[in-house]
């Protein structure tokens, strides 16, 4: 949440209207809550934490893709967090694993790619792909699109290679 406060401060100062979230909004029950603080050791407590403590600015809309950590609550407990999150009017839940947004006459995608669960749509239909899951910033260009692996806003425990931060992207009609 403290990292998110920096994002919101930057967004507010720079008139940013949309925040795109590329997955893993909650830790879910991944690893039997082993990476969670004790007060967040249930799906309900994690969702309530997001609803209560996730930053809010009425002029900013959050476009949120849910991913593997978010879906663990379905697999383990039969709880789909997507409808619960719609309590926040500034949240638009785009679905699980991948979503496509039309901007003017082009598409951008949010994806959360895990090697064993690759998305099947071809990237050539998109102008930009924002890809979560790796926690490592990388940017790739080819003749038809840009693929950006987004960094994380979390503290990862263990031996993970992590780039913490956020990206700012501007898309114009030109």
C-alpha atoms as a PDB file:
ATOM      1  CA  UNK A   1       0.000   0.000   0.000  1.00  0.00           C
ATOM      2  CA  UNK A   2       2.844   2.424   0.768  1.00  0.00           C
ATOM      3  CA  UNK A   3       4.234   1.963  -2.765  1.00  0.00           C
ATOM      4  CA  UNK A   4       0.768   2.521  -4.176  1.00  0.00           C
ATOM      5  CA  UNK A   5       0.604   5.831  -2.319  1.00  0.00           C
ATOM      6  CA  UNK A   6       3.621   6.982  -4.373  1.00  0.00           C
ATOM      7  CA  UNK A   7       1.847   5.953  -7.571  1.00  0.00           C
ATOM      8  CA  UNK A   8      -1.258   7.908  -6.592  1.00  0.00           C
ATOM      9  CA  UNK A   9       0.758  10.956  -5.597  1.00  0.00           C
ATOM     10  CA  UNK A  10       2.478  10.913  -8.998  1.00  0.00           C
ATOM     11  CA  UNK A  11      -0.797  10.259 -10.856  1.00  0.00           C
ATOM     12  CA  UNK A  12      -2.602  13.092  -9.072  1.00  0.00           C
ATOM     13  CA  UNK A  13       0.192  15.594  -9.741  1.00  0.00           C
ATOM     14  CA  UNK A  14       0.359  14.589 -13.418  1.00  0.00           C
ATOM     15  CA  UNK A  15      -3.353  14.375 -14.232  1.00  0.00           C
ATOM     16  CA  UNK A  16      -3.254  10.616 -14.884  1.00  0.00           C
ATOM     17  CA  UNK A  17      -6.750   9.170 -15.205  1.00  0.00           C
ATOM     18  CA  UNK A  18      -6.118   5.411 -15.412  1.00  0.00           C
ATOM     19  CA  UNK A  19      -4.013   2.958 -13.472  1.00  0.00           C
ATOM     20  CA  UNK A  20      -3.556  -0.425 -15.126  1.00  0.00           C
ATOM     21  CA  UNK A  21      -2.905  -3.351 -12.806  1.00  0.00           C
ATOM     22  CA  UNK A  22      -1.397  -6.454 -14.450  1.00  0.00           C
ATOM     23  CA  UNK A  23      -2.401  -9.022 -11.840  1.00  0.00           C
ATOM     24  CA  UNK A  24      -1.942 -10.359  -8.328  1.00  0.00           C
ATOM     25  CA  UNK A  25      -3.941  -7.717  -6.523  1.00  0.00           C
ATOM     26  CA  UNK A  26      -3.990  -9.959  -3.440  1.00  0.00           C
ATOM     27  CA  UNK A  27      -1.608 -12.664  -2.288  1.00  0.00           C
ATOM     28  CA  UNK A  28      -4.512 -15.099  -2.210  1.00  0.00           C
ATOM     29  CA  UNK A  29      -3.948 -18.404  -0.484  1.00  0.00           C
ATOM     30  CA  UNK A  30      -0.746 -19.021  -2.406  1.00  0.00           C
ATOM     31  CA  UNK A  31       1.690 -21.007  -0.270  1.00  0.00           C
ATOM     32  CA  UNK A  32      -1.018 -21.454   2.420  1.00  0.00           C
ATOM     33  CA  UNK A  33      -0.730 -17.748   3.252  1.00  0.00           C
ATOM     34  CA  UNK A  34       2.915 -18.377   4.206  1.00  0.00           C
ATOM     35  CA  UNK A  35       4.071 -15.083   2.721  1.00  0.00           C
ATOM     36  CA  UNK A  36       1.315 -13.021   4.367  1.00  0.00           C
ATOM     37  CA  UNK A  37       1.287 -11.103   7.611  1.00  0.00           C
ATOM     38  CA  UNK A  38      -0.896 -12.943  10.131  1.00  0.00           C
ATOM     39  CA  UNK A  39      -3.678 -10.341   9.896  1.00  0.00           C
ATOM     40  CA  UNK A  40      -4.011 -11.179   6.168  1.00  0.00           C
ATOM     41  CA  UNK A  41      -4.106 -14.966   6.450  1.00  0.00           C
ATOM     42  CA  UNK A  42      -7.578 -15.335   4.932  1.00  0.00           C
ATOM     43  CA  UNK A  43      -8.985 -14.389   1.560  1.00  0.00           C
ATOM     44  CA  UNK A  44     -11.624 -12.203   3.241  1.00  0.00           C
ATOM     45  CA  UNK A  45      -9.017 -10.257   5.222  1.00  0.00           C
ATOM     46  CA  UNK A  46      -6.981  -9.628   2.063  1.00  0.00           C
ATOM     47  CA  UNK A  47     -10.003  -8.435   0.086  1.00  0.00           C
ATOM     48  CA  UNK A  48     -11.105  -6.203   2.963  1.00  0.00           C
ATOM     49  CA  UNK A  49      -7.581  -4.781   3.163  1.00  0.00           C
ATOM     50  CA  UNK A  50      -7.718  -3.867  -0.526  1.00  0.00           C
ATOM     51  CA  UNK A  51     -11.220  -2.394  -0.274  1.00  0.00           C
ATOM     52  CA  UNK A  52     -10.329  -0.328   2.785  1.00  0.00           C
ATOM     53  CA  UNK A  53      -6.673   0.617   2.271  1.00  0.00           C
ATOM     54  CA  UNK A  54      -6.125   0.752  -1.501  1.00  0.00           C
ATOM     55  CA  UNK A  55      -5.665   4.413  -2.397  1.00  0.00           C
ATOM     56  CA  UNK A  56      -8.618   6.370  -3.699  1.00  0.00           C
ATOM     57  CA  UNK A  57      -8.847   9.442  -5.891  1.00  0.00           C
ATOM     58  CA  UNK A  58     -12.210  10.098  -7.546  1.00  0.00           C
ATOM     59  CA  UNK A  59     -10.585  11.162 -10.831  1.00  0.00           C
ATOM     60  CA  UNK A  60      -8.567   7.933 -11.192  1.00  0.00           C
ATOM     61  CA  UNK A  61     -10.002   4.661 -12.523  1.00  0.00           C
ATOM     62  CA  UNK A  62      -8.212   1.365 -11.771  1.00  0.00           C
ATOM     63  CA  UNK A  63      -8.354  -1.196 -14.572  1.00  0.00           C
ATOM     64  CA  UNK A  64      -7.470  -4.428 -12.806  1.00  0.00           C
ATOM     65  CA  UNK A  65      -6.524  -7.771 -14.286  1.00  0.00           C
ATOM     66  CA  UNK A  66      -6.746 -10.629 -11.806  1.00  0.00           C
ATOM     67  CA  UNK A  67      -4.140 -13.376 -11.988  1.00  0.00           C
ATOM     68  CA  UNK A  68      -2.739 -16.531 -10.421  1.00  0.00           C
ATOM     69  CA  UNK A  69      -2.581 -15.264  -6.824  1.00  0.00           C
ATOM     70  CA  UNK A  70      -6.086 -13.829  -7.104  1.00  0.00           C
ATOM     71  CA  UNK A  71      -7.492 -17.046  -8.541  1.00  0.00           C
ATOM     72  CA  UNK A  72      -6.119 -19.262  -5.739  1.00  0.00           C
ATOM     73  CA  UNK A  73      -9.111 -18.175  -3.691  1.00  0.00           C
ATOM     74  CA  UNK A  74     -11.383 -19.873  -6.245  1.00  0.00           C
ATOM     75  CA  UNK A  75      -9.325 -23.082  -6.370  1.00  0.00           C
ATOM     76  CA  UNK A  76      -8.856 -23.440  -2.632  1.00  0.00           C
ATOM     77  CA  UNK A  77     -11.993 -21.899  -1.122  1.00  0.00           C
ATOM     78  CA  UNK A  78     -14.540 -21.408  -3.897  1.00  0.00           C
ATOM     79  CA  UNK A  79     -14.377 -17.617  -3.447  1.00  0.00           C
ATOM     80  CA  UNK A  80     -14.288 -15.471  -6.573  1.00  0.00           C
ATOM     81  CA  UNK A  81     -12.921 -12.101  -5.463  1.00  0.00           C
ATOM     82  CA  UNK A  82     -13.940 -10.274  -8.670  1.00  0.00           C
ATOM     83  CA  UNK A  83     -17.540  -9.535  -7.592  1.00  0.00           C
ATOM     84  CA  UNK A  84     -16.344  -8.555  -4.111  1.00  0.00           C
ATOM     85  CA  UNK A  85     -13.985  -5.940  -5.547  1.00  0.00           C
ATOM     86  CA  UNK A  86     -16.760  -4.188  -7.485  1.00  0.00           C
ATOM     87  CA  UNK A  87     -17.762  -2.575  -4.194  1.00  0.00           C
ATOM     88  CA  UNK A  88     -15.141   0.012  -5.115  1.00  0.00           C
ATOM     89  CA  UNK A  89     -16.549   2.240  -7.865  1.00  0.00           C
ATOM     90  CA  UNK A  90     -13.018   3.178  -8.969  1.00  0.00           C
ATOM     91  CA  UNK A  91     -12.204  -0.494  -9.725  1.00  0.00           C
ATOM     92  CA  UNK A  92     -13.007  -2.056 -13.067  1.00  0.00           C
ATOM     93  CA  UNK A  93     -12.225  -5.762 -12.992  1.00  0.00           C
ATOM     94  CA  UNK A  94     -11.137  -6.861 -16.465  1.00  0.00           C
ATOM     95  CA  UNK A  95     -11.166 -10.603 -15.813  1.00  0.00           C
ATOM     96  CA  UNK A  96      -8.505 -13.239 -15.232  1.00  0.00           C
ATOM     97  CA  UNK A  97      -5.135 -13.721 -16.997  1.00  0.00           C
ATOM     98  CA  UNK A  98      -5.651 -11.461 -20.039  1.00  0.00           C
ATOM     99  CA  UNK A  99      -7.704  -8.545 -21.217  1.00  0.00           C
ATOM    100  CA  UNK A 100      -7.795  -6.319 -24.265  1.00  0.00           C
ATOM    101  CA  UNK A 101      -8.632  -2.624 -24.209  1.00  0.00           C
ATOM    102  CA  UNK A 102      -9.477  -0.638 -27.307  1.00  0.00           C
ATOM    103  CA  UNK A 103      -7.885   2.800 -27.448  1.00  0.00           C
ATOM    104  CA  UNK A 104      -9.043   4.703 -30.520  1.00  0.00           C
ATOM    105  CA  UNK A 105      -8.582   2.111 -33.289  1.00  0.00           C
ATOM    106  CA  UNK A 106      -5.792   0.116 -31.603  1.00  0.00           C
ATOM    107  CA  UNK A 107      -5.691  -2.473 -28.845  1.00  0.00           C
ATOM    108  CA  UNK A 108      -3.525  -2.724 -25.781  1.00  0.00           C
ATOM    109  CA  UNK A 109      -3.444  -5.800 -23.613  1.00  0.00           C
ATOM    110  CA  UNK A 110      -2.887  -6.638 -20.015  1.00  0.00           C
ATOM    111  CA  UNK A 111      -1.603 -10.159 -19.541  1.00  0.00           C
ATOM    112  CA  UNK A 112      -0.370 -12.218 -16.669  1.00  0.00           C
ATOM    113  CA  UNK A 113       1.711 -14.877 -18.314  1.00  0.00           C
ATOM    114  CA  UNK A 114       2.920 -18.008 -16.655  1.00  0.00           C
ATOM    115  CA  UNK A 115       4.970 -20.270 -18.913  1.00  0.00           C
ATOM    116  CA  UNK A 116       2.589 -23.208 -18.500  1.00  0.00           C
ATOM    117  CA  UNK A 117      -0.457 -20.985 -19.137  1.00  0.00           C
ATOM    118  CA  UNK A 118       0.427 -18.932 -22.202  1.00  0.00           C
ATOM    119  CA  UNK A 119      -2.268 -16.715 -23.651  1.00  0.00           C
ATOM    120  CA  UNK A 120      -3.354 -17.951 -27.054  1.00  0.00           C
ATOM    121  CA  UNK A 121      -4.127 -14.698 -28.847  1.00  0.00           C
ATOM    122  CA  UNK A 122      -1.407 -13.406 -31.128  1.00  0.00           C
ATOM    123  CA  UNK A 123       0.329 -10.225 -30.032  1.00  0.00           C
ATOM    124  CA  UNK A 124       0.281  -8.701 -33.520  1.00  0.00           C
ATOM    125  CA  UNK A 125      -3.257  -7.421 -32.901  1.00  0.00           C
ATOM    126  CA  UNK A 126      -2.042  -5.140 -30.136  1.00  0.00           C
ATOM    127  CA  UNK A 127      -0.074  -1.918 -30.059  1.00  0.00           C
ATOM    128  CA  UNK A 128       1.241  -2.541 -26.531  1.00  0.00           C
ATOM    129  CA  UNK A 129       1.215  -5.586 -24.251  1.00  0.00           C
ATOM    130  CA  UNK A 130       1.640  -4.993 -20.518  1.00  0.00           C
ATOM    131  CA  UNK A 131       2.693  -8.309 -19.008  1.00  0.00           C
ATOM    132  CA  UNK A 132       2.635  -9.108 -15.293  1.00  0.00           C
ATOM    133  CA  UNK A 133       3.935 -12.054 -13.264  1.00  0.00           C
ATOM    134  CA  UNK A 134       7.716 -11.810 -13.773  1.00  0.00           C
ATOM    135  CA  UNK A 135       8.236  -8.819 -11.416  1.00  0.00           C
ATOM    136  CA  UNK A 136      11.082  -7.782 -13.703  1.00  0.00           C
ATOM    137  CA  UNK A 137      10.922  -4.742 -15.938  1.00  0.00           C
ATOM    138  CA  UNK A 138      11.754  -5.544 -19.543  1.00  0.00           C
ATOM    139  CA  UNK A 139      10.758  -3.883 -22.775  1.00  0.00           C
ATOM    140  CA  UNK A 140      10.742  -5.592 -26.171  1.00  0.00           C
ATOM    141  CA  UNK A 141      10.014  -4.025 -29.548  1.00  0.00           C
ATOM    142  CA  UNK A 142       9.199  -5.679 -32.826  1.00  0.00           C
ATOM    143  CA  UNK A 143       7.690  -4.463 -36.104  1.00  0.00           C
ATOM    144  CA  UNK A 144       4.105  -4.562 -34.891  1.00  0.00           C
ATOM    145  CA  UNK A 145       3.994  -3.950 -31.154  1.00  0.00           C
ATOM    146  CA  UNK A 146       5.742  -3.229 -27.875  1.00  0.00           C
ATOM    147  CA  UNK A 147       5.790  -5.812 -25.090  1.00  0.00           C
ATOM    148  CA  UNK A 148       6.472  -4.508 -21.605  1.00  0.00           C
ATOM    149  CA  UNK A 149       7.027  -6.753 -18.608  1.00  0.00           C
ATOM    150  CA  UNK A 150       5.939  -4.598 -15.706  1.00  0.00           C
ATOM    151  CA  UNK A 151       7.722  -4.259 -12.355  1.00  0.00           C
ATOM    152  CA  UNK A 152       6.053  -4.954  -9.028  1.00  0.00           C
ATOM    153  CA  UNK A 153       4.775  -2.734  -6.237  1.00  0.00           C
ATOM    154  CA  UNK A 154       5.440  -5.392  -3.603  1.00  0.00           C
ATOM    155  CA  UNK A 155       8.195  -6.631  -1.348  1.00  0.00           C
ATOM    156  CA  UNK A 156       9.029 -10.139  -2.447  1.00  0.00           C
ATOM    157  CA  UNK A 157      10.601 -12.483   0.057  1.00  0.00           C
ATOM    158  CA  UNK A 158      13.112 -15.074  -1.046  1.00  0.00           C
ATOM    159  CA  UNK A 159      15.586 -15.161  -3.885  1.00  0.00           C
ATOM    160  CA  UNK A 160      13.444 -13.472  -6.517  1.00  0.00           C
ATOM    161  CA  UNK A 161      14.855 -10.958  -8.951  1.00  0.00           C
ATOM    162  CA  UNK A 162      12.547  -8.005  -8.517  1.00  0.00           C
ATOM    163  CA  UNK A 163      12.276  -4.553 -10.028  1.00  0.00           C
ATOM    164  CA  UNK A 164      10.108  -2.384  -7.804  1.00  0.00           C
ATOM    165  CA  UNK A 165       8.305   0.526  -9.335  1.00  0.00           C
ATOM    166  CA  UNK A 166       5.696   1.642 -11.791  1.00  0.00           C
ATOM    167  CA  UNK A 167       5.630   2.727 -15.402  1.00  0.00           C
ATOM    168  CA  UNK A 168       4.018   5.768 -16.967  1.00  0.00           C
ATOM    169  CA  UNK A 169       2.704   5.419 -20.501  1.00  0.00           C
ATOM    170  CA  UNK A 170       0.989   7.963 -22.669  1.00  0.00           C
ATOM    171  CA  UNK A 171      -1.060   6.908 -25.673  1.00  0.00           C
ATOM    172  CA  UNK A 172      -2.179   9.547 -28.138  1.00  0.00           C
ATOM    173  CA  UNK A 173      -4.440   9.282 -31.150  1.00  0.00           C
ATOM    174  CA  UNK A 174      -1.449   9.971 -33.394  1.00  0.00           C
END
